[in-house]
Amino acid sequence: MSEADFTISDHGTIILLKPHTSKALAWVEENIGRENGYQPYWPTVLCEPRYAQDILDGIRQDGLEVGSVRRN
């Protein structure tokens, strides 16, 4: 099994989406961008939970894989 292009971690009021491959990094540059809202962890994308599903749908529609990180 290959590494996912992204991992997503849910922190309740924020979602972090971390790119792991060059394709994933290119995807966030093209579709989100560093200047889109508050992005203090760039290239890890910070977003509100209400936007996460649309972002994940776009990633998957473009053929990239997303894994999740479990919170303890």
Protein backbone atom coordinates (compact mmCIF):
# COMPACT_ATOMS: atom_id res chain seq x y z
CA MET A 1 0.00 0.00 0.00
CA SER A 2 1.37 3.40 -0.94
CA GLU A 3 1.45 6.44 1.31
CA ALA A 4 -1.60 8.68 1.10
CA ASP A 5 -1.10 11.98 -0.69
CA PHE A 6 -2.65 13.80 2.29
CA THR A 7 -3.49 13.16 5.91
CA ILE A 8 -6.36 14.91 7.60
CA SER A 9 -6.67 15.50 11.31
CA ASP A 10 -9.81 16.80 13.00
CA HIS A 11 -9.23 19.04 16.00
CA GLY A 12 -12.87 19.92 16.58
CA THR A 13 -13.00 23.56 15.56
CA ILE A 14 -10.29 23.23 12.91
CA ILE A 15 -9.20 20.64 10.36
CA LEU A 16 -5.58 20.23 9.32
CA LEU A 17 -4.86 18.81 5.88
CA LYS A 18 -1.20 17.90 5.40
CA PRO A 19 0.21 17.20 1.92
CA HIS A 20 2.81 14.40 1.72
CA THR A 21 3.55 14.11 -1.98
CA SER A 22 4.60 16.51 -4.71
CA LYS A 23 1.18 16.02 -6.35
CA ALA A 24 -0.53 16.95 -3.09
CA LEU A 25 1.63 20.04 -2.66
CA ALA A 26 0.85 21.13 -6.22
CA TRP A 27 -2.86 20.53 -5.53
CA VAL A 28 -2.94 22.81 -2.48
CA GLU A 29 -0.94 25.49 -4.29
CA GLU A 30 -3.37 25.44 -7.22
CA ASN A 31 -6.68 24.93 -5.39
CA ILE A 32 -6.24 26.62 -2.02
CA GLY A 33 -3.15 28.81 -1.96
CA ARG A 34 -1.10 30.24 0.87
CA GLU A 35 -3.05 33.50 0.91
CA ASN A 36 -6.46 31.83 1.24
CA GLY A 37 -7.48 32.71 4.77
CA TYR A 38 -5.26 32.16 7.78
CA GLN A 39 -2.58 29.58 6.87
CA PRO A 40 0.05 29.64 9.65
CA TYR A 41 1.21 26.03 9.04
CA TRP A 42 1.57 26.20 5.26
CA PRO A 43 1.75 23.94 3.30
CA THR A 44 -0.46 22.18 5.85
CA VAL A 45 -3.90 23.65 5.21
CA LEU A 46 -6.02 24.86 8.09
CA CYS A 47 -9.77 25.00 7.45
CA GLU A 48 -13.07 25.10 9.26
CA PRO A 49 -14.96 21.80 9.42
CA ARG A 50 -17.78 23.19 7.25
CA TYR A 51 -15.36 23.43 4.28
CA ALA A 52 -13.57 20.13 4.77
CA GLN A 53 -15.94 17.86 2.83
CA ASP A 54 -15.84 20.04 -0.29
CA ILE A 55 -12.04 20.12 -0.14
CA LEU A 56 -11.84 16.34 0.34
CA ASP A 57 -14.26 15.77 -2.54
CA GLY A 58 -12.08 17.93 -4.81
CA ILE A 59 -8.93 16.09 -3.80
CA ARG A 60 -10.50 12.70 -4.48
CA GLN A 61 -12.04 13.84 -7.77
CA ASP A 62 -8.53 14.75 -8.88
CA GLY A 63 -7.33 11.21 -8.12
CA LEU A 64 -5.43 11.85 -4.90
CA GLU A 65 -5.73 9.81 -1.70
CA VAL A 66 -6.46 11.05 1.80
CA GLY A 67 -5.62 9.18 4.99
CA SER A 68 -6.69 10.20 8.47
CA VAL A 69 -4.86 10.74 11.72
CA ARG A 70 -6.64 9.55 14.84
CA ARG A 71 -6.80 11.80 17.84
CA ASN A 72 -6.21 10.34 21.29
